[in-house]
PDB file of N, CA and C in Angstrom:
ATOM      1  N   UNK A   1      -9.316  13.854  -4.426  1.00  0.00           N
ATOM      2  CA  UNK A   1      -9.860  13.275  -5.644  1.00  0.00           C
ATOM      3  C   UNK A   1      -8.785  13.313  -6.731  1.00  0.00           C
ATOM      4  N   UNK A   2      -8.663  12.211  -7.411  1.00  0.00           N
ATOM      5  CA  UNK A   2      -7.713  12.102  -8.513  1.00  0.00           C
ATOM      6  C   UNK A   2      -8.468  11.890  -9.815  1.00  0.00           C
ATOM      7  N   UNK A   3      -7.746  11.865 -10.903  1.00  0.00           N
ATOM      8  CA  UNK A   3      -8.321  11.614 -12.232  1.00  0.00           C
ATOM      9  C   UNK A   3      -9.439  12.609 -12.545  1.00  0.00           C
ATOM     10  N   UNK A   4      -9.140  13.866 -12.377  1.00  0.00           N
ATOM     11  CA  UNK A   4     -10.120  14.904 -12.687  1.00  0.00           C
ATOM     12  C   UNK A   4     -11.327  14.876 -11.778  1.00  0.00           C
ATOM     13  N   UNK A   5     -11.145  14.457 -10.535  1.00  0.00           N
ATOM     14  CA  UNK A   5     -12.242  14.413  -9.576  1.00  0.00           C
ATOM     15  C   UNK A   5     -13.096  13.169  -9.665  1.00  0.00           C
ATOM     16  N   UNK A   6     -12.666  12.173 -10.439  1.00  0.00           N
ATOM     17  CA  UNK A   6     -13.481  10.966 -10.631  1.00  0.00           C
ATOM     18  C   UNK A   6     -13.141   9.841  -9.659  1.00  0.00           C
ATOM     19  N   UNK A   7     -11.953   9.889  -9.033  1.00  0.00           N
ATOM     20  CA  UNK A   7     -11.526   8.800  -8.160  1.00  0.00           C
ATOM     21  C   UNK A   7     -11.169   9.365  -6.796  1.00  0.00           C
ATOM     22  N   UNK A   8     -11.840   8.877  -5.770  1.00  0.00           N
ATOM     23  CA  UNK A   8     -11.538   9.295  -4.404  1.00  0.00           C
ATOM     24  C   UNK A   8     -10.372   8.473  -3.881  1.00  0.00           C
ATOM     25  N   UNK A   9      -9.505   9.108  -3.141  1.00  0.00           N
ATOM     26  CA  UNK A   9      -8.332   8.443  -2.577  1.00  0.00           C
ATOM     27  C   UNK A   9      -8.312   8.725  -1.092  1.00  0.00           C
ATOM     28  N   UNK A  10      -8.150   7.698  -0.296  1.00  0.00           N
ATOM     29  CA  UNK A  10      -8.105   7.888   1.143  1.00  0.00           C
ATOM     30  C   UNK A  10      -6.961   8.826   1.524  1.00  0.00           C
ATOM     31  N   UNK A  11      -7.171   9.592   2.570  1.00  0.00           N
ATOM     32  CA  UNK A  11      -6.147  10.538   3.005  1.00  0.00           C
ATOM     33  C   UNK A  11      -4.898   9.828   3.516  1.00  0.00           C
ATOM     34  N   UNK A  12      -4.983   8.523   3.773  1.00  0.00           N
ATOM     35  CA  UNK A  12      -3.828   7.759   4.258  1.00  0.00           C
ATOM     36  C   UNK A  12      -2.932   7.269   3.130  1.00  0.00           C
ATOM     37  N   UNK A  13      -3.388   7.300   1.890  1.00  0.00           N
ATOM     38  CA  UNK A  13      -2.610   6.769   0.763  1.00  0.00           C
ATOM     39  C   UNK A  13      -1.227   7.415   0.638  1.00  0.00           C
ATOM     40  N   UNK A  14      -1.104   8.738   0.729  1.00  0.00           N
ATOM     41  CA  UNK A  14       0.247   9.316   0.651  1.00  0.00           C
ATOM     42  C   UNK A  14       1.154   8.807   1.774  1.00  0.00           C
ATOM     43  N   UNK A  15       0.601   8.637   2.956  1.00  0.00           N
ATOM     44  CA  UNK A  15       1.390   8.095   4.073  1.00  0.00           C
ATOM     45  C   UNK A  15       1.837   6.671   3.770  1.00  0.00           C
ATOM     46  N   UNK A  16       0.911   5.835   3.292  1.00  0.00           N
ATOM     47  CA  UNK A  16       1.249   4.444   2.960  1.00  0.00           C
ATOM     48  C   UNK A  16       2.291   4.373   1.857  1.00  0.00           C
ATOM     49  N   UNK A  17       2.261   5.325   0.935  1.00  0.00           N
ATOM     50  CA  UNK A  17       3.214   5.342  -0.182  1.00  0.00           C
ATOM     51  C   UNK A  17       4.493   6.112   0.179  1.00  0.00           C
ATOM     52  N   UNK A  18       4.612   6.534   1.429  1.00  0.00           N
ATOM     53  CA  UNK A  18       5.781   7.269   1.918  1.00  0.00           C
ATOM     54  C   UNK A  18       6.012   8.555   1.129  1.00  0.00           C
ATOM     55  N   UNK A  19       4.921   9.265   0.840  1.00  0.00           N
ATOM     56  CA  UNK A  19       4.987  10.543   0.129  1.00  0.00           C
ATOM     57  C   UNK A  19       4.806  11.662   1.149  1.00  0.00           C
ATOM     58  N   UNK A  20       5.732  12.586   1.160  1.00  0.00           N
ATOM     59  CA  UNK A  20       5.664  13.731   2.060  1.00  0.00           C
ATOM     60  C   UNK A  20       5.097  14.933   1.323  1.00  0.00           C
ATOM     61  N   UNK A  21       4.762  15.950   2.088  1.00  0.00           N
ATOM     62  CA  UNK A  21       4.280  17.190   1.512  1.00  0.00           C
ATOM     63  C   UNK A  21       5.313  17.723   0.518  1.00  0.00           C
ATOM     64  N   UNK A  22       4.848  18.183  -0.617  1.00  0.00           N
ATOM     65  CA  UNK A  22       5.643  18.728  -1.716  1.00  0.00           C
ATOM     66  C   UNK A  22       6.381  17.658  -2.528  1.00  0.00           C
ATOM     67  N   UNK A  23       6.090  16.385  -2.267  1.00  0.00           N
ATOM     68  CA  UNK A  23       6.617  15.294  -3.094  1.00  0.00           C
ATOM     69  C   UNK A  23       5.642  15.021  -4.232  1.00  0.00           C
ATOM     70  N   UNK A  24       6.026  14.102  -5.091  1.00  0.00           N
ATOM     71  CA  UNK A  24       5.160  13.666  -6.177  1.00  0.00           C
ATOM     72  C   UNK A  24       4.599  12.294  -5.834  1.00  0.00           C
ATOM     73  N   UNK A  25       3.299  12.166  -5.941  1.00  0.00           N
ATOM     74  CA  UNK A  25       2.618  10.891  -5.730  1.00  0.00           C
ATOM     75  C   UNK A  25       2.405  10.258  -7.097  1.00  0.00           C
ATOM     76  N   UNK A  26       3.064   9.136  -7.341  1.00  0.00           N
ATOM     77  CA  UNK A  26       2.907   8.417  -8.601  1.00  0.00           C
ATOM     78  C   UNK A  26       1.822   7.369  -8.433  1.00  0.00           C
ATOM     79  N   UNK A  27       0.857   7.370  -9.346  1.00  0.00           N
ATOM     80  CA  UNK A  27      -0.248   6.411  -9.303  1.00  0.00           C
ATOM     81  C   UNK A  27      -0.213   5.578 -10.570  1.00  0.00           C
ATOM     82  N   UNK A  28      -0.157   4.274 -10.406  1.00  0.00           N
ATOM     83  CA  UNK A  28      -0.179   3.351 -11.531  1.00  0.00           C
ATOM     84  C   UNK A  28      -1.610   2.860 -11.701  1.00  0.00           C
ATOM     85  N   UNK A  29      -2.224   3.232 -12.822  1.00  0.00           N
ATOM     86  CA  UNK A  29      -3.589   2.815 -13.146  1.00  0.00           C
ATOM     87  C   UNK A  29      -3.472   1.585 -14.034  1.00  0.00           C
ATOM     88  N   UNK A  30      -4.006   0.464 -13.612  1.00  0.00           N
ATOM     89  CA  UNK A  30      -3.945  -0.770 -14.400  1.00  0.00           C
ATOM     90  C   UNK A  30      -5.347  -1.093 -14.886  1.00  0.00           C
ATOM     91  N   UNK A  31      -5.507  -1.071 -16.202  1.00  0.00           N
ATOM     92  CA  UNK A  31      -6.780  -1.374 -16.838  1.00  0.00           C
ATOM     93  C   UNK A  31      -6.641  -2.679 -17.606  1.00  0.00           C
ATOM     94  N   UNK A  32      -7.741  -3.184 -18.123  1.00  0.00           N
ATOM     95  CA  UNK A  32      -7.699  -4.431 -18.882  1.00  0.00           C
ATOM     96  C   UNK A  32      -6.807  -4.324 -20.112  1.00  0.00           C
ATOM     97  N   UNK A  33      -6.802  -3.155 -20.755  1.00  0.00           N
ATOM     98  CA  UNK A  33      -6.092  -3.036 -22.025  1.00  0.00           C
ATOM     99  C   UNK A  33      -4.828  -2.182 -21.982  1.00  0.00           C
ATOM    100  N   UNK A  34      -4.557  -1.527 -20.860  1.00  0.00           N
ATOM    101  CA  UNK A  34      -3.347  -0.712 -20.760  1.00  0.00           C
ATOM    102  C   UNK A  34      -3.039  -0.350 -19.315  1.00  0.00           C
ATOM    103  N   UNK A  35      -1.820   0.110 -19.102  1.00  0.00           N
ATOM    104  CA  UNK A  35      -1.394   0.633 -17.808  1.00  0.00           C
ATOM    105  C   UNK A  35      -0.870   2.041 -18.017  1.00  0.00           C
ATOM    106  N   UNK A  36      -1.201   2.937 -17.110  1.00  0.00           N
ATOM    107  CA  UNK A  36      -0.819   4.342 -17.233  1.00  0.00           C
ATOM    108  C   UNK A  36      -0.319   4.831 -15.878  1.00  0.00           C
ATOM    109  N   UNK A  37       0.732   5.622 -15.890  1.00  0.00           N
ATOM    110  CA  UNK A  37       1.243   6.230 -14.668  1.00  0.00           C
ATOM    111  C   UNK A  37       0.875   7.706 -14.681  1.00  0.00           C
ATOM    112  N   UNK A  38       0.252   8.159 -13.599  1.00  0.00           N
ATOM    113  CA  UNK A  38      -0.067   9.581 -13.428  1.00  0.00           C
ATOM    114  C   UNK A  38       0.722  10.103 -12.243  1.00  0.00           C
ATOM    115  N   UNK A  39       1.118  11.354 -12.310  1.00  0.00           N
ATOM    116  CA  UNK A  39       1.833  11.979 -11.209  1.00  0.00           C
ATOM    117  C   UNK A  39       1.000  13.131 -10.661  1.00  0.00           C
ATOM    118  N   UNK A  40       0.932  13.188  -9.338  1.00  0.00           N
ATOM    119  CA  UNK A  40       0.181  14.237  -8.652  1.00  0.00           C
ATOM    120  C   UNK A  40       1.115  14.904  -7.653  1.00  0.00           C
ATOM    121  N   UNK A  41       1.211  16.207  -7.730  1.00  0.00           N
ATOM    122  CA  UNK A  41       2.018  16.975  -6.787  1.00  0.00           C
ATOM    123  C   UNK A  41       1.259  17.038  -5.466  1.00  0.00           C
ATOM    124  N   UNK A  42       1.869  16.546  -4.411  1.00  0.00           N
ATOM    125  CA  UNK A  42       1.209  16.500  -3.103  1.00  0.00           C
ATOM    126  C   UNK A  42       1.425  17.832  -2.384  1.00  0.00           C
ATOM    127  N   UNK A  43       0.555  18.765  -2.691  1.00  0.00           N
ATOM    128  CA  UNK A  43       0.655  20.134  -2.170  1.00  0.00           C
ATOM    129  C   UNK A  43      -0.174  20.296  -0.903  1.00  0.00           C
ATOM    130  N   UNK A  44      -0.034  21.463  -0.288  1.00  0.00           N
ATOM    131  CA  UNK A  44      -0.878  21.799   0.872  1.00  0.00           C
ATOM    132  C   UNK A  44      -2.351  21.733   0.498  1.00  0.00           C
ATOM    133  N   UNK A  45      -2.681  22.226  -0.700  1.00  0.00           N
ATOM    134  CA  UNK A  45      -4.080  22.241  -1.134  1.00  0.00           C
ATOM    135  C   UNK A  45      -4.643  20.826  -1.276  1.00  0.00           C
ATOM    136  N   UNK A  46      -3.864  19.921  -1.888  1.00  0.00           N
ATOM    137  CA  UNK A  46      -4.326  18.541  -2.039  1.00  0.00           C
ATOM    138  C   UNK A  46      -4.463  17.869  -0.675  1.00  0.00           C
ATOM    139  N   UNK A  47      -3.496  18.080   0.203  1.00  0.00           N
ATOM    140  CA  UNK A  47      -3.553  17.506   1.544  1.00  0.00           C
ATOM    141  C   UNK A  47      -4.774  18.018   2.302  1.00  0.00           C
ATOM    142  N   UNK A  48      -5.009  19.325   2.247  1.00  0.00           N
ATOM    143  CA  UNK A  48      -6.162  19.927   2.930  1.00  0.00           C
ATOM    144  C   UNK A  48      -7.471  19.382   2.362  1.00  0.00           C
ATOM    145  N   UNK A  49      -7.538  19.261   1.046  1.00  0.00           N
ATOM    146  CA  UNK A  49      -8.734  18.727   0.397  1.00  0.00           C
ATOM    147  C   UNK A  49      -9.016  17.296   0.850  1.00  0.00           C
ATOM    148  N   UNK A  50      -7.963  16.490   0.935  1.00  0.00           N
ATOM    149  CA  UNK A  50      -8.134  15.103   1.371  1.00  0.00           C
ATOM    150  C   UNK A  50      -8.580  15.029   2.834  1.00  0.00           C
ATOM    151  N   UNK A  51      -8.042  15.903   3.673  1.00  0.00           N
ATOM    152  CA  UNK A  51      -8.420  15.912   5.092  1.00  0.00           C
ATOM    153  C   UNK A  51      -9.874  16.371   5.272  1.00  0.00           C
ATOM    154  N   UNK A  52     -10.284  17.390   4.516  1.00  0.00           N
ATOM    155  CA  UNK A  52     -11.665  17.866   4.594  1.00  0.00           C
ATOM    156  C   UNK A  52     -12.622  16.781   4.119  1.00  0.00           C
ATOM    157  N   UNK A  53     -12.287  16.148   3.004  1.00  0.00           N
ATOM    158  CA  UNK A  53     -13.123  15.064   2.476  1.00  0.00           C
ATOM    159  C   UNK A  53     -13.226  13.935   3.482  1.00  0.00           C
ATOM    160  N   UNK A  54     -12.115  13.601   4.132  1.00  0.00           N
ATOM    161  CA  UNK A  54     -12.128  12.548   5.137  1.00  0.00           C
ATOM    162  C   UNK A  54     -13.016  12.931   6.319  1.00  0.00           C
ATOM    163  N   UNK A  55     -12.962  14.203   6.741  1.00  0.00           N
ATOM    164  CA  UNK A  55     -13.810  14.660   7.835  1.00  0.00           C
ATOM    165  C   UNK A  55     -15.280  14.577   7.490  1.00  0.00           C
ATOM    166  N   UNK A  56     -15.632  14.933   6.267  1.00  0.00           N
ATOM    167  CA  UNK A  56     -17.024  14.848   5.819  1.00  0.00           C
ATOM    168  C   UNK A  56     -17.465  13.388   5.780  1.00  0.00           C
ATOM    169  N   UNK A  57     -16.582  12.529   5.266  1.00  0.00           N
ATOM    170  CA  UNK A  57     -16.904  11.105   5.202  1.00  0.00           C
ATOM    171  C   UNK A  57     -17.142  10.524   6.596  1.00  0.00           C
ATOM    172  N   UNK A  58     -16.272  10.890   7.551  1.00  0.00           N
ATOM    173  CA  UNK A  58     -16.424  10.381   8.913  1.00  0.00           C
ATOM    174  C   UNK A  58     -17.715  10.864   9.561  1.00  0.00           C
ATOM    175  N   UNK A  59     -18.133  12.087   9.216  1.00  0.00           N
ATOM    176  CA  UNK A  59     -19.315  12.679   9.832  1.00  0.00           C
ATOM    177  C   UNK A  59     -20.615  12.246   9.172  1.00  0.00           C
ATOM    178  N   UNK A  60     -20.547  11.858   7.906  1.00  0.00           N
ATOM    179  CA  UNK A  60     -21.760  11.571   7.156  1.00  0.00           C
ATOM    180  C   UNK A  60     -21.645  10.221   6.466  1.00  0.00           C
ATOM    181  N   UNK A  61     -22.346   9.253   6.984  1.00  0.00           N
ATOM    182  CA  UNK A  61     -22.321   7.926   6.374  1.00  0.00           C
ATOM    183  C   UNK A  61     -23.742   7.565   5.970  1.00  0.00           C
ATOM    184  N   UNK A  62     -24.074   7.699   4.677  1.00  0.00           N
ATOM    185  CA  UNK A  62     -25.444   7.438   4.242  1.00  0.00           C
ATOM    186  C   UNK A  62     -25.783   5.950   4.102  1.00  0.00           C
ATOM    187  N   UNK A  63     -24.811   5.074   4.345  1.00  0.00           N
ATOM    188  CA  UNK A  63     -25.060   3.647   4.186  1.00  0.00           C
ATOM    189  C   UNK A  63     -25.698   3.046   5.436  1.00  0.00           C
ATOM    190  N   UNK A  64     -26.532   2.051   5.224  1.00  0.00           N
ATOM    191  CA  UNK A  64     -27.075   1.297   6.353  1.00  0.00           C
ATOM    192  C   UNK A  64     -25.986   0.371   6.875  1.00  0.00           C
ATOM    193  N   UNK A  65     -26.186  -0.186   8.052  1.00  0.00           N
ATOM    194  CA  UNK A  65     -25.202  -1.106   8.620  1.00  0.00           C
ATOM    195  C   UNK A  65     -25.006  -2.332   7.731  1.00  0.00           C
ATOM    196  N   UNK A  66     -26.081  -2.798   7.094  1.00  0.00           N
ATOM    197  CA  UNK A  66     -25.970  -3.946   6.194  1.00  0.00           C
ATOM    198  C   UNK A  66     -25.107  -3.603   4.983  1.00  0.00           C
ATOM    199  N   UNK A  67     -25.298  -2.387   4.449  1.00  0.00           N
ATOM    200  CA  UNK A  67     -24.495  -1.951   3.304  1.00  0.00           C
ATOM    201  C   UNK A  67     -23.022  -1.779   3.689  1.00  0.00           C
ATOM    202  N   UNK A  68     -22.784  -1.238   4.877  1.00  0.00           N
ATOM    203  CA  UNK A  68     -21.412  -1.079   5.357  1.00  0.00           C
ATOM    204  C   UNK A  68     -20.735  -2.442   5.446  1.00  0.00           C
ATOM    205  N   UNK A  69     -21.419  -3.410   6.037  1.00  0.00           N
ATOM    206  CA  UNK A  69     -20.855  -4.759   6.161  1.00  0.00           C
ATOM    207  C   UNK A  69     -20.619  -5.392   4.795  1.00  0.00           C
ATOM    208  N   UNK A  70     -21.544  -5.182   3.860  1.00  0.00           N
ATOM    209  CA  UNK A  70     -21.381  -5.734   2.512  1.00  0.00           C
ATOM    210  C   UNK A  70     -20.154  -5.128   1.830  1.00  0.00           C
ATOM    211  N   UNK A  71     -19.963  -3.801   1.930  1.00  0.00           N
ATOM    212  CA  UNK A  71     -18.805  -3.159   1.314  1.00  0.00           C
ATOM    213  C   UNK A  71     -17.513  -3.562   2.004  1.00  0.00           C
ATOM    214  N   UNK A  72     -17.561  -3.757   3.328  1.00  0.00           N
ATOM    215  CA  UNK A  72     -16.372  -4.215   4.040  1.00  0.00           C
ATOM    216  C   UNK A  72     -15.967  -5.613   3.567  1.00  0.00           C
ATOM    217  N   UNK A  73     -16.954  -6.450   3.301  1.00  0.00           N
ATOM    218  CA  UNK A  73     -16.676  -7.796   2.792  1.00  0.00           C
ATOM    219  C   UNK A  73     -16.052  -7.716   1.400  1.00  0.00           C
ATOM    220  N   UNK A  74     -16.607  -6.863   0.542  1.00  0.00           N
ATOM    221  CA  UNK A  74     -16.054  -6.685  -0.809  1.00  0.00           C
ATOM    222  C   UNK A  74     -14.614  -6.176  -0.721  1.00  0.00           C
ATOM    223  N   UNK A  75     -14.374  -5.190   0.140  1.00  0.00           N
ATOM    224  CA  UNK A  75     -13.024  -4.633   0.277  1.00  0.00           C
ATOM    225  C   UNK A  75     -12.042  -5.671   0.806  1.00  0.00           C
ATOM    226  N   UNK A  76     -12.482  -6.488   1.749  1.00  0.00           N
ATOM    227  CA  UNK A  76     -11.611  -7.517   2.319  1.00  0.00           C
ATOM    228  C   UNK A  76     -11.229  -8.568   1.286  1.00  0.00           C
ATOM    229  N   UNK A  77     -12.106  -8.807   0.323  1.00  0.00           N
ATOM    230  CA  UNK A  77     -11.853  -9.827  -0.689  1.00  0.00           C
ATOM    231  C   UNK A  77     -11.211  -9.253  -1.957  1.00  0.00           C
ATOM    232  N   UNK A  78     -11.062  -7.939  -2.032  1.00  0.00           N
ATOM    233  CA  UNK A  78     -10.538  -7.302  -3.240  1.00  0.00           C
ATOM    234  C   UNK A  78      -9.080  -7.681  -3.468  1.00  0.00           C
ATOM    235  N   UNK A  79      -8.760  -7.986  -4.695  1.00  0.00           N
ATOM    236  CA  UNK A  79      -7.372  -8.286  -5.035  1.00  0.00           C
ATOM    237  C   UNK A  79      -6.855  -7.332  -6.105  1.00  0.00           C
ATOM    238  N   UNK A  80      -7.605  -6.312  -6.419  1.00  0.00           N
ATOM    239  CA  UNK A  80      -7.240  -5.424  -7.515  1.00  0.00           C
ATOM    240  C   UNK A  80      -6.840  -4.017  -7.078  1.00  0.00           C
ATOM    241  N   UNK A  81      -6.830  -3.756  -5.786  1.00  0.00           N
ATOM    242  CA  UNK A  81      -6.444  -2.436  -5.313  1.00  0.00           C
ATOM    243  C   UNK A  81      -5.293  -2.615  -4.331  1.00  0.00           C
ATOM    244  N   UNK A  82      -4.262  -1.825  -4.488  1.00  0.00           N
ATOM    245  CA  UNK A  82      -3.143  -1.928  -3.569  1.00  0.00           C
ATOM    246  C   UNK A  82      -2.257  -0.705  -3.641  1.00  0.00           C
ATOM    247  N   UNK A  83      -1.480  -0.506  -2.609  1.00  0.00           N
ATOM    248  CA  UNK A  83      -0.493   0.551  -2.555  1.00  0.00           C
ATOM    249  C   UNK A  83       0.861  -0.145  -2.509  1.00  0.00           C
ATOM    250  N   UNK A  84       1.703   0.152  -3.485  1.00  0.00           N
ATOM    251  CA  UNK A  84       2.994  -0.507  -3.587  1.00  0.00           C
ATOM    252  C   UNK A  84       4.096   0.529  -3.497  1.00  0.00           C
ATOM    253  N   UNK A  85       5.125   0.210  -2.755  1.00  0.00           N
ATOM    254  CA  UNK A  85       6.240   1.126  -2.621  1.00  0.00           C
ATOM    255  C   UNK A  85       7.085   1.153  -3.894  1.00  0.00           C
ATOM    256  N   UNK A  86       7.278  -0.018  -4.496  1.00  0.00           N
ATOM    257  CA  UNK A  86       8.096  -0.131  -5.698  1.00  0.00           C
ATOM    258  C   UNK A  86       7.382  -1.020  -6.701  1.00  0.00           C
ATOM    259  N   UNK A  87       7.343  -0.589  -7.945  1.00  0.00           N
ATOM    260  CA  UNK A  87       6.762  -1.399  -9.012  1.00  0.00           C
ATOM    261  C   UNK A  87       7.804  -1.503 -10.110  1.00  0.00           C
ATOM    262  N   UNK A  88       8.141  -2.735 -10.504  1.00  0.00           N
ATOM    263  CA  UNK A  88       9.110  -2.962 -11.568  1.00  0.00           C
ATOM    264  C   UNK A  88       8.371  -3.041 -12.896  1.00  0.00           C
ATOM    265  N   UNK A  89       8.548  -2.027 -13.749  1.00  0.00           N
ATOM    266  CA  UNK A  89       7.858  -1.981 -15.026  1.00  0.00           C
ATOM    267  C   UNK A  89       8.728  -2.461 -16.180  1.00  0.00           C
ATOM    268  N   UNK A  90       9.887  -3.037 -15.860  1.00  0.00           N
ATOM    269  CA  UNK A  90      10.745  -3.545 -16.924  1.00  0.00           C
ATOM    270  C   UNK A  90      10.167  -4.834 -17.474  1.00  0.00           C
ATOM    271  N   UNK A  91      10.515  -5.145 -18.707  1.00  0.00           N
ATOM    272  CA  UNK A  91      10.035  -6.362 -19.344  1.00  0.00           C
ATOM    273  C   UNK A  91      10.768  -7.555 -18.744  1.00  0.00           C
ATOM    274  N   UNK A  92      10.030  -8.553 -18.252  1.00  0.00           N
ATOM    275  CA  UNK A  92      10.713  -9.717 -17.663  1.00  0.00           C
ATOM    276  C   UNK A  92      11.454 -10.498 -18.739  1.00  0.00           C
ATOM    277  N   UNK A  93      12.551 -11.171 -18.339  1.00  0.00           N
ATOM    278  CA  UNK A  93      13.326 -11.969 -19.284  1.00  0.00           C
ATOM    279  C   UNK A  93      12.560 -13.214 -19.712  1.00  0.00           C
ATOM    280  N   UNK A  94      11.684 -13.715 -18.834  1.00  0.00           N
ATOM    281  CA  UNK A  94      10.860 -14.878 -19.141  1.00  0.00           C
ATOM    282  C   UNK A  94       9.403 -14.450 -19.071  1.00  0.00           C
ATOM    283  N   UNK A  95       8.640 -14.756 -20.101  1.00  0.00           N
ATOM    284  CA  UNK A  95       7.240 -14.347 -20.112  1.00  0.00           C
ATOM    285  C   UNK A  95       6.419 -15.187 -19.132  1.00  0.00           C
ATOM    286  N   UNK A  96       5.285 -14.644 -18.745  1.00  0.00           N
ATOM    287  CA  UNK A  96       4.394 -15.352 -17.832  1.00  0.00           C
ATOM    288  C   UNK A  96       3.930 -16.667 -18.437  1.00  0.00           C
ATOM    289  N   UNK A  97       3.657 -16.665 -19.734  1.00  0.00           N
ATOM    290  CA  UNK A  97       3.192 -17.890 -20.402  1.00  0.00           C
ATOM    291  C   UNK A  97       4.247 -18.970 -20.363  1.00  0.00           C
ATOM    292  N   UNK A  98       5.528 -18.592 -20.536  1.00  0.00           N
ATOM    293  CA  UNK A  98       6.620 -19.582 -20.467  1.00  0.00           C
ATOM    294  C   UNK A  98       6.745 -20.154 -19.053  1.00  0.00           C
ATOM    295  N   UNK A  99       6.586 -19.296 -18.047  1.00  0.00           N
ATOM    296  CA  UNK A  99       6.653 -19.761 -16.669  1.00  0.00           C
ATOM    297  C   UNK A  99       5.494 -20.693 -16.360  1.00  0.00           C
ATOM    298  N   UNK A 100       4.284 -20.316 -16.810  1.00  0.00           N
ATOM    299  CA  UNK A 100       3.091 -21.130 -16.543  1.00  0.00           C
ATOM    300  C   UNK A 100       3.173 -22.486 -17.241  1.00  0.00           C
ATOM    301  N   UNK A 101       3.690 -22.510 -18.476  1.00  0.00           N
ATOM    302  CA  UNK A 101       3.749 -23.786 -19.198  1.00  0.00           C
ATOM    303  C   UNK A 101       4.832 -24.698 -18.654  1.00  0.00           C
ATOM    304  N   UNK A 102       5.842 -24.130 -17.990  1.00  0.00           N
ATOM    305  CA  UNK A 102       6.910 -24.940 -17.412  1.00  0.00           C
ATOM    306  C   UNK A 102       6.478 -25.584 -16.097  1.00  0.00           C
ATOM    307  N   UNK A 103       5.449 -25.055 -15.498  1.00  0.00           N
ATOM    308  CA  UNK A 103       5.005 -25.558 -14.181  1.00  0.00           C
ATOM    309  C   UNK A 103       4.232 -26.823 -14.266  1.00  0.00           C
TER     310      UNK A 103
END
């Protein structure tokens, strides 16, 4: 759990982000009005917590099959969640509006 226990993160996320034990996991939170970077130390305790949570999730699924299919459809269509290896936070030389108006 990240963000003070408010956001669940799959146990595979550190692997997808190429984060090893004792590394720092950087998370870029993108909101409508701001973007924030948080850093989480990927310790034995965090890894163990994620594995235990994953085991509980695998063992206990309170959703019906219809709900599972509905959430799978939502996840498949989601365009707002992703794991990125590199994010360029520098200011672009050309703004998005200039690029869009030139097209």
